[in-house]
PDB file of N, CA and C in Angstrom:
ATOM      1  N   MET A   1      71.529  -5.596-223.809  1.00  0.00           N
ATOM      2  CA  MET A   1      70.705  -5.709-224.111  1.00  0.00           C
ATOM      3  C   MET A   1      69.563  -3.876-223.818  1.00  0.00           C
ATOM      4  N   SER A   2      69.927  -3.582-222.796  1.00  0.00           N
ATOM      5  CA  SER A   2      69.029  -2.621-222.499  1.00  0.00           C
ATOM      6  C   SER A   2      70.082  -2.045-221.660  1.00  0.00           C
ATOM      7  N   ASN A   3      69.541  -0.504-221.145  1.00  0.00           N
ATOM      8  CA  ASN A   3      69.962   0.063-219.490  1.00  0.00           C
ATOM      9  C   ASN A   3      68.987   0.135-218.891  1.00  0.00           C
ATOM     10  N   PHE A   4      68.451  -0.708-218.077  1.00  0.00           N
ATOM     11  CA  PHE A   4      67.781  -1.041-217.424  1.00  0.00           C
ATOM     12  C   PHE A   4      68.336  -2.296-216.378  1.00  0.00           C
ATOM     13  N   SER A   5      68.612  -1.467-214.848  1.00  0.00           N
ATOM     14  CA  SER A   5      68.997  -3.077-214.346  1.00  0.00           C
ATOM     15  C   SER A   5      68.517  -4.496-214.000  1.00  0.00           C
ATOM     16  N   GLN A   6      68.963  -5.155-213.689  1.00  0.00           N
ATOM     17  CA  GLN A   6      68.942  -6.900-213.786  1.00  0.00           C
ATOM     18  C   GLN A   6      67.645  -6.694-212.754  1.00  0.00           C
ATOM     19  N   GLU A   7      67.927  -6.283-212.106  1.00  0.00           N
ATOM     20  CA  GLU A   7      66.964  -6.055-210.387  1.00  0.00           C
ATOM     21  C   GLU A   7      65.667  -5.503-210.890  1.00  0.00           C
ATOM     22  N   ARG A   8      65.857  -4.516-211.210  1.00  0.00           N
ATOM     23  CA  ARG A   8      64.064  -4.205-211.560  1.00  0.00           C
ATOM     24  C   ARG A   8      63.704  -4.770-212.469  1.00  0.00           C
ATOM     25  N   LEU A   9      64.210  -5.572-213.455  1.00  0.00           N
ATOM     26  CA  LEU A   9      63.467  -6.273-214.313  1.00  0.00           C
ATOM     27  C   LEU A   9      62.982  -7.431-214.193  1.00  0.00           C
ATOM     28  N   MET A  10      63.541  -7.966-212.927  1.00  0.00           N
ATOM     29  CA  MET A  10      63.110  -9.105-212.235  1.00  0.00           C
ATOM     30  C   MET A  10      61.683  -8.795-211.523  1.00  0.00           C
ATOM     31  N   GLN A  11      61.351  -7.387-211.453  1.00  0.00           N
ATOM     32  CA  GLN A  11      60.565  -7.304-210.454  1.00  0.00           C
ATOM     33  C   GLN A  11      59.199  -6.926-211.527  1.00  0.00           C
ATOM     34  N   VAL A  12      59.465  -6.492-212.437  1.00  0.00           N
ATOM     35  CA  VAL A  12      58.201  -6.089-213.704  1.00  0.00           C
ATOM     36  C   VAL A  12      56.869  -7.073-213.792  1.00  0.00           C
ATOM     37  N   LEU A  13      57.482  -8.234-214.513  1.00  0.00           N
ATOM     38  CA  LEU A  13      56.525  -9.224-214.705  1.00  0.00           C
ATOM     39  C   LEU A  13      56.041 -10.131-213.262  1.00  0.00           C
ATOM     40  N   LEU A  14      54.964  -9.995-212.607  1.00  0.00           N
ATOM     41  CA  LEU A  14      54.557 -10.270-211.622  1.00  0.00           C
ATOM     42  C   LEU A  14      53.459 -12.151-211.854  1.00  0.00           C
ATOM     43  N   ALA A  15      53.156 -12.552-213.436  1.00  0.00           N
ATOM     44  CA  ALA A  15      52.194 -13.134-213.177  1.00  0.00           C
ATOM     45  C   ALA A  15      51.917 -13.538-214.655  1.00  0.00           C
ATOM     46  N   PRO A  16      52.053 -15.015-215.038  1.00  0.00           N
ATOM     47  CA  PRO A  16      51.272 -14.752-216.676  1.00  0.00           C
ATOM     48  C   PRO A  16      49.606 -14.653-216.006  1.00  0.00           C
ATOM     49  N   GLN A  17      48.837 -14.356-216.813  1.00  0.00           N
ATOM     50  CA  GLN A  17      47.413 -14.406-217.027  1.00  0.00           C
ATOM     51  C   GLN A  17      46.866 -15.536-217.607  1.00  0.00           C
ATOM     52  N   ILE A  18      46.422 -16.484-217.116  1.00  0.00           N
ATOM     53  CA  ILE A  18      45.895 -17.348-217.833  1.00  0.00           C
ATOM     54  C   ILE A  18      44.385 -17.689-217.907  1.00  0.00           C
ATOM     55  N   SER A  19      43.970 -17.305-219.042  1.00  0.00           N
ATOM     56  CA  SER A  19      42.689 -17.197-219.237  1.00  0.00           C
ATOM     57  C   SER A  19      42.349 -17.763-220.584  1.00  0.00           C
ATOM     58  N   GLU A  20      41.009 -17.755-220.339  1.00  0.00           N
ATOM     59  CA  GLU A  20      40.259 -18.431-222.101  1.00  0.00           C
ATOM     60  C   GLU A  20      41.109 -17.419-223.121  1.00  0.00           C
ATOM     61  N   LYS A  21      40.623 -16.418-222.753  1.00  0.00           N
ATOM     62  CA  LYS A  21      40.632 -15.276-223.915  1.00  0.00           C
ATOM     63  C   LYS A  21      42.030 -15.069-223.719  1.00  0.00           C
ATOM     64  N   ALA A  22      42.916 -15.324-223.319  1.00  0.00           N
ATOM     65  CA  ALA A  22      44.990 -15.306-223.014  1.00  0.00           C
ATOM     66  C   ALA A  22      45.540 -16.525-224.110  1.00  0.00           C
ATOM     67  N   THR A  23      44.636 -18.012-223.953  1.00  0.00           N
ATOM     68  CA  THR A  23      44.639 -18.545-224.726  1.00  0.00           C
ATOM     69  C   THR A  23      44.323 -18.759-226.118  1.00  0.00           C
ATOM     70  N   PHE A  24      43.272 -17.792-226.275  1.00  0.00           N
ATOM     71  CA  PHE A  24      43.234 -17.514-227.806  1.00  0.00           C
ATOM     72  C   PHE A  24      43.690 -16.403-228.623  1.00  0.00           C
ATOM     73  N   ILE A  25      44.306 -15.615-227.455  1.00  0.00           N
ATOM     74  CA  ILE A  25      45.193 -14.542-228.024  1.00  0.00           C
ATOM     75  C   ILE A  25      46.644 -15.136-228.456  1.00  0.00           C
ATOM     76  N   ALA A  26      46.835 -16.425-227.672  1.00  0.00           N
ATOM     77  CA  ALA A  26      48.159 -16.684-227.703  1.00  0.00           C
ATOM     78  C   ALA A  26      48.516 -17.720-228.949  1.00  0.00           C
ATOM     79  N   ASP A  27      47.285 -18.176-229.145  1.00  0.00           N
ATOM     80  CA  ASP A  27      47.690 -19.412-230.591  1.00  0.00           C
ATOM     81  C   ASP A  27      47.018 -18.390-231.831  1.00  0.00           C
ATOM     82  N   ARG A  28      46.084 -17.093-231.566  1.00  0.00           N
ATOM     83  CA  ARG A  28      45.738 -16.654-233.199  1.00  0.00           C
ATOM     84  C   ARG A  28      46.970 -15.490-233.184  1.00  0.00           C
ATOM     85  N   ASN A  29      47.645 -14.668-232.351  1.00  0.00           N
ATOM     86  CA  ASN A  29      48.294 -13.797-232.578  1.00  0.00           C
ATOM     87  C   ASN A  29      49.808 -13.696-232.400  1.00  0.00           C
ATOM     88  N   ASN A  30      49.987 -15.112-231.771  1.00  0.00           N
ATOM     89  CA  ASN A  30      50.890 -15.258-231.028  1.00  0.00           C
ATOM     90  C   ASN A  30      51.606 -14.435-229.672  1.00  0.00           C
ATOM     91  N   GLN A  31      50.486 -14.009-228.960  1.00  0.00           N
ATOM     92  CA  GLN A  31      50.663 -13.032-227.647  1.00  0.00           C
ATOM     93  C   GLN A  31      50.527 -13.836-226.382  1.00  0.00           C
ATOM     94  N   VAL A  32      51.512 -13.320-225.592  1.00  0.00           N
ATOM     95  CA  VAL A  32      51.187 -14.004-224.373  1.00  0.00           C
ATOM     96  C   VAL A  32      50.957 -12.452-223.635  1.00  0.00           C
ATOM     97  N   VAL A  33      50.092 -12.821-222.216  1.00  0.00           N
ATOM     98  CA  VAL A  33      49.823 -12.046-221.052  1.00  0.00           C
ATOM     99  C   VAL A  33      50.451 -12.108-220.063  1.00  0.00           C
ATOM    100  N   PHE A  34      50.524 -10.861-219.446  1.00  0.00           N
ATOM    101  CA  PHE A  34      51.124 -11.410-218.270  1.00  0.00           C
ATOM    102  C   PHE A  34      50.496 -10.209-217.484  1.00  0.00           C
ATOM    103  N   LYS A  35      50.184 -10.216-216.041  1.00  0.00           N
ATOM    104  CA  LYS A  35      50.099  -9.353-214.936  1.00  0.00           C
ATOM    105  C   LYS A  35      51.363  -8.494-214.596  1.00  0.00           C
ATOM    106  N   VAL A  36      51.690  -7.474-215.033  1.00  0.00           N
ATOM    107  CA  VAL A  36      52.595  -6.471-214.392  1.00  0.00           C
ATOM    108  C   VAL A  36      52.812  -5.313-213.444  1.00  0.00           C
ATOM    109  N   ALA A  37      54.458  -4.991-213.074  1.00  0.00           N
ATOM    110  CA  ALA A  37      54.103  -4.222-211.910  1.00  0.00           C
ATOM    111  C   ALA A  37      53.035  -2.725-212.390  1.00  0.00           C
ATOM    112  N   PRO A  38      52.135  -2.008-211.264  1.00  0.00           N
ATOM    113  CA  PRO A  38      51.382  -0.637-212.121  1.00  0.00           C
ATOM    114  C   PRO A  38      52.432   0.491-212.683  1.00  0.00           C
ATOM    115  N   ASP A  39      53.324   0.380-212.645  1.00  0.00           N
ATOM    116  CA  ASP A  39      54.285   1.231-212.484  1.00  0.00           C
ATOM    117  C   ASP A  39      55.589   1.022-213.794  1.00  0.00           C
ATOM    118  N   ALA A  40      55.489  -0.042-214.487  1.00  0.00           N
ATOM    119  CA  ALA A  40      55.800  -0.635-215.266  1.00  0.00           C
ATOM    120  C   ALA A  40      55.916   0.037-216.994  1.00  0.00           C
ATOM    121  N   THR A  41      57.151   0.226-217.906  1.00  0.00           N
ATOM    122  CA  THR A  41      56.568   0.922-218.862  1.00  0.00           C
ATOM    123  C   THR A  41      57.080  -0.233-219.809  1.00  0.00           C
ATOM    124  N   LYS A  42      56.425   0.241-221.127  1.00  0.00           N
ATOM    125  CA  LYS A  42      56.394  -0.685-222.237  1.00  0.00           C
ATOM    126  C   LYS A  42      58.335  -1.557-222.486  1.00  0.00           C
ATOM    127  N   PRO A  43      59.030  -0.130-222.457  1.00  0.00           N
ATOM    128  CA  PRO A  43      60.336  -0.785-222.421  1.00  0.00           C
ATOM    129  C   PRO A  43      60.938  -1.930-222.238  1.00  0.00           C
ATOM    130  N   GLU A  44      60.449  -1.471-220.321  1.00  0.00           N
ATOM    131  CA  GLU A  44      60.793  -2.604-219.260  1.00  0.00           C
ATOM    132  C   GLU A  44      60.050  -3.491-219.243  1.00  0.00           C
ATOM    133  N   ILE A  45      59.229  -3.532-219.605  1.00  0.00           N
ATOM    134  CA  ILE A  45      58.705  -5.354-220.362  1.00  0.00           C
ATOM    135  C   ILE A  45      58.783  -6.217-221.285  1.00  0.00           C
ATOM    136  N   LYS A  46      59.438  -5.194-222.059  1.00  0.00           N
ATOM    137  CA  LYS A  46      59.566  -5.772-223.199  1.00  0.00           C
ATOM    138  C   LYS A  46      61.302  -6.691-222.972  1.00  0.00           C
ATOM    139  N   ALA A  47      62.078  -5.622-222.305  1.00  0.00           N
ATOM    140  CA  ALA A  47      63.379  -6.392-221.634  1.00  0.00           C
ATOM    141  C   ALA A  47      63.195  -7.507-220.585  1.00  0.00           C
ATOM    142  N   ALA A  48      62.199  -7.180-220.145  1.00  0.00           N
ATOM    143  CA  ALA A  48      61.710  -8.250-219.244  1.00  0.00           C
ATOM    144  C   ALA A  48      62.051  -9.246-219.545  1.00  0.00           C
ATOM    145  N   VAL A  49      60.779  -9.203-220.179  1.00  0.00           N
ATOM    146  CA  VAL A  49      60.393 -10.784-221.294  1.00  0.00           C
ATOM    147  C   VAL A  49      61.669 -11.270-221.678  1.00  0.00           C
ATOM    148  N   GLU A  50      62.409 -10.568-222.403  1.00  0.00           N
ATOM    149  CA  GLU A  50      63.552 -11.079-223.346  1.00  0.00           C
ATOM    150  C   GLU A  50      64.668 -11.466-222.313  1.00  0.00           C
ATOM    151  N   LEU A  51      64.838 -10.838-220.853  1.00  0.00           N
ATOM    152  CA  LEU A  51      66.018 -11.475-220.267  1.00  0.00           C
ATOM    153  C   LEU A  51      65.317 -12.306-219.181  1.00  0.00           C
ATOM    154  N   LEU A  52      63.700 -12.798-219.420  1.00  0.00           N
ATOM    155  CA  LEU A  52      63.898 -14.001-218.568  1.00  0.00           C
ATOM    156  C   LEU A  52      63.330 -14.845-218.928  1.00  0.00           C
ATOM    157  N   PHE A  53      62.898 -14.819-220.527  1.00  0.00           N
ATOM    158  CA  PHE A  53      62.345 -16.163-220.954  1.00  0.00           C
ATOM    159  C   PHE A  53      63.426 -16.839-222.365  1.00  0.00           C
ATOM    160  N   SER A  54      64.701 -15.909-222.250  1.00  0.00           N
ATOM    161  CA  SER A  54      65.536 -16.535-223.023  1.00  0.00           C
ATOM    162  C   SER A  54      66.665 -17.144-222.362  1.00  0.00           C
ATOM    163  N   LYS A  55      66.862 -18.542-223.249  1.00  0.00           N
ATOM    164  CA  LYS A  55      67.809 -19.826-222.388  1.00  0.00           C
ATOM    165  C   LYS A  55      69.067 -20.307-223.167  1.00  0.00           C
ATOM    166  N   GLY A  56      69.840 -19.940-223.216  1.00  0.00           N
ATOM    167  CA  GLY A  56      71.026 -20.922-224.217  1.00  0.00           C
ATOM    168  C   GLY A  56      70.762 -20.314-225.486  1.00  0.00           C
ATOM    169  N   ASP A  57      70.608 -21.109-226.554  1.00  0.00           N
ATOM    170  CA  ASP A  57      70.178 -21.077-228.183  1.00  0.00           C
ATOM    171  C   ASP A  57      68.912 -20.659-228.270  1.00  0.00           C
ATOM    172  N   ASN A  58      68.072 -20.763-227.580  1.00  0.00           N
ATOM    173  CA  ASN A  58      66.785 -20.487-227.452  1.00  0.00           C
ATOM    174  C   ASN A  58      66.178 -19.020-226.879  1.00  0.00           C
ATOM    175  N   LYS A  59      66.387 -17.501-227.930  1.00  0.00           N
ATOM    176  CA  LYS A  59      66.285 -16.808-227.638  1.00  0.00           C
ATOM    177  C   LYS A  59      65.094 -16.122-228.209  1.00  0.00           C
ATOM    178  N   VAL A  60      64.288 -15.163-227.176  1.00  0.00           N
ATOM    179  CA  VAL A  60      62.844 -14.917-227.506  1.00  0.00           C
ATOM    180  C   VAL A  60      63.118 -13.069-227.933  1.00  0.00           C
ATOM    181  N   GLU A  61      62.342 -12.692-228.973  1.00  0.00           N
ATOM    182  CA  GLU A  61      62.359 -11.573-229.659  1.00  0.00           C
ATOM    183  C   GLU A  61      61.131 -11.005-229.413  1.00  0.00           C
ATOM    184  N   VAL A  62      60.762 -10.052-228.638  1.00  0.00           N
ATOM    185  CA  VAL A  62      59.682  -9.484-228.375  1.00  0.00           C
ATOM    186  C   VAL A  62      59.689  -8.508-229.532  1.00  0.00           C
ATOM    187  N   LEU A  63      58.187  -7.981-230.644  1.00  0.00           N
ATOM    188  CA  LEU A  63      58.064  -7.241-231.353  1.00  0.00           C
ATOM    189  C   LEU A  63      57.228  -6.333-231.194  1.00  0.00           C
ATOM    190  N   SER A  64      55.918  -6.390-230.269  1.00  0.00           N
ATOM    191  CA  SER A  64      55.825  -5.466-229.870  1.00  0.00           C
ATOM    192  C   SER A  64      55.085  -5.557-228.187  1.00  0.00           C
ATOM    193  N   VAL A  65      54.763  -4.643-227.409  1.00  0.00           N
ATOM    194  CA  VAL A  65      54.364  -4.734-226.643  1.00  0.00           C
ATOM    195  C   VAL A  65      52.554  -3.958-226.528  1.00  0.00           C
ATOM    196  N   GLN A  66      51.652  -4.288-226.116  1.00  0.00           N
ATOM    197  CA  GLN A  66      50.692  -3.715-225.477  1.00  0.00           C
ATOM    198  C   GLN A  66      49.989  -3.506-224.110  1.00  0.00           C
ATOM    199  N   VAL A  67      49.771  -2.424-223.278  1.00  0.00           N
ATOM    200  CA  VAL A  67      49.393  -2.070-222.285  1.00  0.00           C
ATOM    201  C   VAL A  67      48.394  -2.016-222.129  1.00  0.00           C
ATOM    202  N   LEU A  68      47.404  -2.145-220.585  1.00  0.00           N
ATOM    203  CA  LEU A  68      45.999  -2.244-220.608  1.00  0.00           C
ATOM    204  C   LEU A  68      45.918  -1.744-218.947  1.00  0.00           C
ATOM    205  N   ASN A  69      45.232  -0.886-218.381  1.00  0.00           N
ATOM    206  CA  ASN A  69      44.974  -1.227-217.225  1.00  0.00           C
ATOM    207  C   ASN A  69      43.764  -0.961-216.890  1.00  0.00           C
ATOM    208  N   VAL A  70      44.004  -2.078-216.046  1.00  0.00           N
ATOM    209  CA  VAL A  70      42.382  -2.775-215.319  1.00  0.00           C
ATOM    210  C   VAL A  70      42.141  -2.106-213.612  1.00  0.00           C
ATOM    211  N   LYS A  71      41.010  -1.616-214.439  1.00  0.00           N
ATOM    212  CA  LYS A  71      40.255  -1.272-212.786  1.00  0.00           C
ATOM    213  C   LYS A  71      39.880  -2.090-212.066  1.00  0.00           C
ATOM    214  N   GLY A  72      40.258  -1.931-210.727  1.00  0.00           N
ATOM    215  CA  GLY A  72      39.660  -2.879-209.522  1.00  0.00           C
ATOM    216  C   GLY A  72      38.043  -2.693-209.137  1.00  0.00           C
ATOM    217  N   LYS A  73      37.413  -4.229-209.316  1.00  0.00           N
ATOM    218  CA  LYS A  73      36.052  -4.045-208.742  1.00  0.00           C
ATOM    219  C   LYS A  73      35.682  -3.384-207.514  1.00  0.00           C
ATOM    220  N   ILE A  74      34.428  -3.219-208.276  1.00  0.00           N
ATOM    221  CA  ILE A  74      33.973  -3.026-206.239  1.00  0.00           C
ATOM    222  C   ILE A  74      32.835  -4.426-205.821  1.00  0.00           C
ATOM    223  N   LYS A  75      32.944  -4.478-204.688  1.00  0.00           N
ATOM    224  CA  LYS A  75      32.921  -5.767-204.372  1.00  0.00           C
ATOM    225  C   LYS A  75      31.885  -5.345-202.713  1.00  0.00           C
ATOM    226  N   ARG A  76      30.714  -6.171-202.329  1.00  0.00           N
ATOM    227  CA  ARG A  76      30.076  -5.848-201.418  1.00  0.00           C
ATOM    228  C   ARG A  76      30.156  -6.435-200.131  1.00  0.00           C
ATOM    229  N   PHE A  77      30.586  -6.227-198.862  1.00  0.00           N
ATOM    230  CA  PHE A  77      30.740  -7.281-198.164  1.00  0.00           C
ATOM    231  C   PHE A  77      29.620  -6.809-197.044  1.00  0.00           C
ATOM    232  N   GLY A  78      28.821  -7.342-197.214  1.00  0.00           N
ATOM    233  CA  GLY A  78      27.604  -7.219-196.159  1.00  0.00           C
ATOM    234  C   GLY A  78      26.405  -5.541-196.375  1.00  0.00           C
ATOM    235  N   ARG A  79      26.966  -4.789-195.107  1.00  0.00           N
ATOM    236  CA  ARG A  79      26.070  -3.427-195.357  1.00  0.00           C
ATOM    237  C   ARG A  79      27.410  -2.391-196.123  1.00  0.00           C
ATOM    238  N   THR A  80      28.959  -2.742-195.740  1.00  0.00           N
ATOM    239  CA  THR A  80      29.926  -1.914-196.517  1.00  0.00           C
ATOM    240  C   THR A  80      30.597  -2.606-197.756  1.00  0.00           C
ATOM    241  N   PHE A  81      30.840  -1.589-198.787  1.00  0.00           N
ATOM    242  CA  PHE A  81      31.557  -1.696-199.773  1.00  0.00           C
ATOM    243  C   PHE A  81      33.110  -1.477-199.868  1.00  0.00           C
ATOM    244  N   GLY A  82      33.714  -2.732-200.698  1.00  0.00           N
ATOM    245  CA  GLY A  82      35.310  -2.204-200.492  1.00  0.00           C
ATOM    246  C   GLY A  82      35.145  -2.771-202.083  1.00  0.00           C
ATOM    247  N   ARG A  83      36.806  -2.329-202.349  1.00  0.00           N
ATOM    248  CA  ARG A  83      37.150  -2.264-203.872  1.00  0.00           C
ATOM    249  C   ARG A  83      38.579  -2.965-204.285  1.00  0.00           C
ATOM    250  N   ARG A  84      38.652  -3.591-205.019  1.00  0.00           N
ATOM    251  CA  ARG A  84      39.598  -4.220-205.273  1.00  0.00           C
ATOM    252  C   ARG A  84      40.664  -3.219-205.944  1.00  0.00           C
ATOM    253  N   SER A  85      41.873  -3.811-205.757  1.00  0.00           N
ATOM    254  CA  SER A  85      43.264  -2.875-206.380  1.00  0.00           C
ATOM    255  C   SER A  85      43.130  -2.934-207.962  1.00  0.00           C
ATOM    256  N   ASP A  86      43.326  -1.898-208.397  1.00  0.00           N
ATOM    257  CA  ASP A  86      43.501  -1.835-209.897  1.00  0.00           C
ATOM    258  C   ASP A  86      44.895  -2.498-210.598  1.00  0.00           C
ATOM    259  N   TRP A  87      45.483  -3.414-211.312  1.00  0.00           N
ATOM    260  CA  TRP A  87      46.783  -3.586-212.233  1.00  0.00           C
ATOM    261  C   TRP A  87      46.399  -3.266-213.443  1.00  0.00           C
ATOM    262  N   LYS A  88      47.445  -3.886-213.870  1.00  0.00           N
ATOM    263  CA  LYS A  88      47.829  -3.461-215.264  1.00  0.00           C
ATOM    264  C   LYS A  88      47.925  -4.975-215.917  1.00  0.00           C
ATOM    265  N   LYS A  89      47.739  -4.670-216.951  1.00  0.00           N
ATOM    266  CA  LYS A  89      48.281  -6.074-217.787  1.00  0.00           C
ATOM    267  C   LYS A  89      48.738  -6.143-219.419  1.00  0.00           C
ATOM    268  N   ALA A  90      49.389  -6.757-219.513  1.00  0.00           N
ATOM    269  CA  ALA A  90      50.294  -6.717-220.686  1.00  0.00           C
ATOM    270  C   ALA A  90      50.345  -7.442-221.676  1.00  0.00           C
ATOM    271  N   PHE A  91      50.122  -6.880-222.858  1.00  0.00           N
ATOM    272  CA  PHE A  91      50.006  -8.063-224.100  1.00  0.00           C
ATOM    273  C   PHE A  91      51.450  -8.456-225.377  1.00  0.00           C
ATOM    274  N   VAL A  92      52.187  -9.011-225.294  1.00  0.00           N
ATOM    275  CA  VAL A  92      53.197  -9.255-225.571  1.00  0.00           C
ATOM    276  C   VAL A  92      53.476  -9.916-226.699  1.00  0.00           C
ATOM    277  N   ARG A  93      53.648  -9.498-227.755  1.00  0.00           N
ATOM    278  CA  ARG A  93      54.027 -10.358-229.241  1.00  0.00           C
ATOM    279  C   ARG A  93      55.109 -10.720-228.979  1.00  0.00           C
ATOM    280  N   ILE A  94      55.501 -12.166-229.625  1.00  0.00           N
ATOM    281  CA  ILE A  94      56.565 -12.705-229.860  1.00  0.00           C
ATOM    282  C   ILE A  94      56.757 -13.132-231.243  1.00  0.00           C
ATOM    283  N   LYS A  95      57.747 -13.069-231.817  1.00  0.00           N
ATOM    284  CA  LYS A  95      58.155 -13.164-233.088  1.00  0.00           C
ATOM    285  C   LYS A  95      57.886 -14.635-233.713  1.00  0.00           C
ATOM    286  N   PRO A  96      57.300 -14.558-234.723  1.00  0.00           N
ATOM    287  CA  PRO A  96      56.761 -16.002-235.211  1.00  0.00           C
ATOM    288  C   PRO A  96      57.426 -17.164-235.187  1.00  0.00           C
ATOM    289  N   GLY A  97      56.888 -18.338-234.159  1.00  0.00           N
ATOM    290  CA  GLY A  97      58.239 -19.689-234.008  1.00  0.00           C
ATOM    291  C   GLY A  97      58.395 -19.590-232.987  1.00  0.00           C
ATOM    292  N   GLN A  98      58.257 -19.036-232.151  1.00  0.00           N
ATOM    293  CA  GLN A  98      59.189 -18.883-230.680  1.00  0.00           C
ATOM    294  C   GLN A  98      57.968 -19.059-229.987  1.00  0.00           C
ATOM    295  N   ASP A  99      58.405 -19.614-228.572  1.00  0.00           N
ATOM    296  CA  ASP A  99      57.562 -19.588-227.594  1.00  0.00           C
ATOM    297  C   ASP A  99      58.325 -19.372-226.248  1.00  0.00           C
ATOM    298  N   ILE A 100      57.381 -19.348-225.228  1.00  0.00           N
ATOM    299  CA  ILE A 100      57.452 -19.037-224.122  1.00  0.00           C
ATOM    300  C   ILE A 100      57.277 -19.965-222.878  1.00  0.00           C
ATOM    301  N   GLU A 101      58.068 -20.759-222.469  1.00  0.00           N
ATOM    302  CA  GLU A 101      58.301 -21.725-221.223  1.00  0.00           C
ATOM    303  C   GLU A 101      57.504 -21.021-219.935  1.00  0.00           C
ATOM    304  N   PHE A 102      56.547 -21.510-219.258  1.00  0.00           N
ATOM    305  CA  PHE A 102      56.412 -21.134-218.082  1.00  0.00           C
ATOM    306  C   PHE A 102      57.000 -22.131-217.069  1.00  0.00           C
ATOM    307  N   ALA A 103      56.776 -23.631-217.098  1.00  0.00           N
ATOM    308  CA  ALA A 103      57.253 -24.116-216.256  1.00  0.00           C
ATOM    309  C   ALA A 103      57.713 -25.328-217.297  1.00  0.00           C
ATOM    310  N   GLU A 104      58.402 -26.594-216.559  1.00  0.00           N
ATOM    311  CA  GLU A 104      59.344 -26.969-217.356  1.00  0.00           C
ATOM    312  C   GLU A 104      58.011 -27.745-218.165  1.00  0.00           C
ATOM    313  N   GLY A 105      58.608 -28.277-219.725  1.00  0.00           N
ATOM    314  CA  GLY A 105      57.673 -29.093-220.411  1.00  0.00           C
ATOM    315  C   GLY A 105      56.350 -28.607-220.785  1.00  0.00           C
ATOM    316  N   GLY A 106      56.081 -27.101-220.268  1.00  0.00           N
ATOM    317  CA  GLY A 106      55.008 -26.224-221.098  1.00  0.00           C
ATOM    318  C   GLY A 106      55.058 -25.513-221.740  1.00  0.00           C
ATOM    319  N   ALA A 107      54.570 -25.364-222.738  1.00  0.00           N
ATOM    320  CA  ALA A 107      54.850 -24.079-223.607  1.00  0.00           C
ATOM    321  C   ALA A 107      53.777 -23.019-223.935  1.00  0.00           C
ATOM    322  N   VAL A 108      53.569 -22.076-223.974  1.00  0.00           N
ATOM    323  CA  VAL A 108      52.798 -21.056-224.805  1.00  0.00           C
ATOM    324  C   VAL A 108      53.109 -20.574-226.291  1.00  0.00           C
TER     325      VAL A 108
END
């Protein structure tokens, strides 16, 4: 599959990004949105999705990966200002006709 260690690939994807925009993109462009590790690369994200969501005969094939760095918001706590951490978002396009299941019975 790839020359990445399986241990590293298990740490690349942190969580699916579930929002109204992510649902719209999933329906329209056959893309799934993930929150990923800040140091993850596009080939690592592609390999991680193909490894984690392919089960038996149901192979998931990734066509493309787009990455977006999200800057943390500045928040105020009384008189002091704090800042949320920066994070990375990945838009993963899968082959038409395939789907990714996050939980038993649910598919995107």
